[in-house]
C-alpha atoms as a PDB file:
ATOM      1  CA  UNK A   1      49.880   8.007   0.275  1.00  0.00           C
ATOM      2  CA  UNK A   2      50.246   4.089   0.314  1.00  0.00           C
ATOM      3  CA  UNK A   3      47.879   1.900   0.253  1.00  0.00           C
ATOM      4  CA  UNK A   4      47.437  -0.331   2.751  1.00  0.00           C
ATOM      5  CA  UNK A   5      48.590  -4.166   2.354  1.00  0.00           C
ATOM      6  CA  UNK A   6      45.050  -6.494   1.831  1.00  0.00           C
ATOM      7  CA  UNK A   7      44.405 -10.233   1.530  1.00  0.00           C
ATOM      8  CA  UNK A   8      41.820 -11.849  -0.442  1.00  0.00           C
ATOM      9  CA  UNK A   9      39.143 -13.600   1.428  1.00  0.00           C
ATOM     10  CA  UNK A  10      35.950 -16.103  -0.322  1.00  0.00           C
ATOM     11  CA  UNK A  11      33.994 -17.156   2.591  1.00  0.00           C
ATOM     12  CA  UNK A  12      30.836 -18.661   2.054  1.00  0.00           C
ATOM     13  CA  UNK A  13      28.245 -17.041   4.434  1.00  0.00           C
ATOM     14  CA  UNK A  14      24.594 -17.379   4.143  1.00  0.00           C
ATOM     15  CA  UNK A  15      23.004 -16.074   0.959  1.00  0.00           C
ATOM     16  CA  UNK A  16      20.084 -13.748   2.607  1.00  0.00           C
ATOM     17  CA  UNK A  17      22.460 -12.002   4.882  1.00  0.00           C
ATOM     18  CA  UNK A  18      24.837 -11.310   1.930  1.00  0.00           C
ATOM     19  CA  UNK A  19      21.930  -9.923   0.238  1.00  0.00           C
ATOM     20  CA  UNK A  20      20.852  -7.921   3.027  1.00  0.00           C
ATOM     21  CA  UNK A  21      24.239  -6.827   3.827  1.00  0.00           C
ATOM     22  CA  UNK A  22      24.568  -6.134   0.376  1.00  0.00           C
ATOM     23  CA  UNK A  23      21.758  -3.974  -0.356  1.00  0.00           C
ATOM     24  CA  UNK A  24      22.489  -1.794   2.713  1.00  0.00           C
ATOM     25  CA  UNK A  25      26.101  -0.706   1.156  1.00  0.00           C
ATOM     26  CA  UNK A  26      24.019   0.233  -2.048  1.00  0.00           C
ATOM     27  CA  UNK A  27      21.202   2.421  -0.007  1.00  0.00           C
ATOM     28  CA  UNK A  28      24.474   3.910   1.630  1.00  0.00           C
ATOM     29  CA  UNK A  29      26.583   4.460  -1.233  1.00  0.00           C
ATOM     30  CA  UNK A  30      29.203   2.257  -0.126  1.00  0.00           C
ATOM     31  CA  UNK A  31      31.268  -1.089  -1.386  1.00  0.00           C
ATOM     32  CA  UNK A  32      30.409  -4.509   0.182  1.00  0.00           C
ATOM     33  CA  UNK A  33      34.077  -4.582   1.061  1.00  0.00           C
ATOM     34  CA  UNK A  34      33.891  -1.367   2.952  1.00  0.00           C
ATOM     35  CA  UNK A  35      31.194  -2.322   4.762  1.00  0.00           C
ATOM     36  CA  UNK A  36      32.168  -5.557   5.778  1.00  0.00           C
ATOM     37  CA  UNK A  37      35.943  -3.974   6.744  1.00  0.00           C
ATOM     38  CA  UNK A  38      33.638  -1.191   9.208  1.00  0.00           C
ATOM     39  CA  UNK A  39      31.726  -4.870  10.397  1.00  0.00           C
ATOM     40  CA  UNK A  40      35.199  -6.457  10.968  1.00  0.00           C
ATOM     41  CA  UNK A  41      36.416  -3.570  13.078  1.00  0.00           C
ATOM     42  CA  UNK A  42      33.425  -3.355  15.002  1.00  0.00           C
ATOM     43  CA  UNK A  43      33.589  -6.696  16.110  1.00  0.00           C
ATOM     44  CA  UNK A  44      36.997  -6.525  16.503  1.00  0.00           C
ATOM     45  CA  UNK A  45      36.604  -3.613  19.042  1.00  0.00           C
ATOM     46  CA  UNK A  46      33.390  -4.170  20.550  1.00  0.00           C
ATOM     47  CA  UNK A  47      32.181  -8.168  20.323  1.00  0.00           C
ATOM     48  CA  UNK A  48      35.664  -9.662  20.973  1.00  0.00           C
ATOM     49  CA  UNK A  49      36.633  -8.039  23.515  1.00  0.00           C
ATOM     50  CA  UNK A  50      33.669  -8.997  25.745  1.00  0.00           C
ATOM     51  CA  UNK A  51      34.097 -12.505  24.895  1.00  0.00           C
ATOM     52  CA  UNK A  52      36.858 -12.866  26.709  1.00  0.00           C
ATOM     53  CA  UNK A  53      35.154 -11.282  30.052  1.00  0.00           C
ATOM     54  CA  UNK A  54      33.547 -14.552  31.350  1.00  0.00           C
ATOM     55  CA  UNK A  55      35.874 -17.286  32.085  1.00  0.00           C
ATOM     56  CA  UNK A  56      35.561 -20.248  29.735  1.00  0.00           C
ATOM     57  CA  UNK A  57      34.232 -22.588  32.490  1.00  0.00           C
ATOM     58  CA  UNK A  58      31.361 -20.451  33.501  1.00  0.00           C
ATOM     59  CA  UNK A  59      29.999 -19.606  29.690  1.00  0.00           C
ATOM     60  CA  UNK A  60      30.301 -23.614  29.933  1.00  0.00           C
ATOM     61  CA  UNK A  61      28.136 -24.428  32.829  1.00  0.00           C
ATOM     62  CA  UNK A  62      25.572 -21.354  31.389  1.00  0.00           C
ATOM     63  CA  UNK A  63      25.501 -22.807  27.979  1.00  0.00           C
ATOM     64  CA  UNK A  64      24.833 -26.475  29.394  1.00  0.00           C
ATOM     65  CA  UNK A  65      22.047 -25.010  31.588  1.00  0.00           C
ATOM     66  CA  UNK A  66      20.275 -22.948  29.431  1.00  0.00           C
ATOM     67  CA  UNK A  67      20.337 -26.208  27.127  1.00  0.00           C
ATOM     68  CA  UNK A  68      19.157 -28.379  29.653  1.00  0.00           C
ATOM     69  CA  UNK A  69      16.454 -25.958  30.820  1.00  0.00           C
ATOM     70  CA  UNK A  70      15.468 -24.631  27.449  1.00  0.00           C
ATOM     71  CA  UNK A  71      11.919 -25.827  27.402  1.00  0.00           C
ATOM     72  CA  UNK A  72      11.311 -24.576  30.985  1.00  0.00           C
ATOM     73  CA  UNK A  73      12.953 -21.248  29.284  1.00  0.00           C
ATOM     74  CA  UNK A  74      10.232 -21.502  26.288  1.00  0.00           C
ATOM     75  CA  UNK A  75       7.084 -21.874  28.571  1.00  0.00           C
ATOM     76  CA  UNK A  76       8.109 -19.173  30.839  1.00  0.00           C
ATOM     77  CA  UNK A  77       8.248 -16.827  28.027  1.00  0.00           C
ATOM     78  CA  UNK A  78       5.060 -17.545  26.743  1.00  0.00           C
ATOM     79  CA  UNK A  79       3.610 -16.366  29.761  1.00  0.00           C
END
């Protein structure tokens, strides 16, 4: 069976996240590479498609509104 093409990457990521990530891989007897590839596939399959489901201008308005009302949201969340 021919090997699939690969590309070497070297992203800089949060240390705490990497520690958790590599711990999960080790606990499951998997390599960090394997778990990272599955996480990337999951993101591309489930998360990325939903990002374009909302018009960009609607999301921009939502973000502005959320930023503007953040203090109110925090107060309401305490109730």
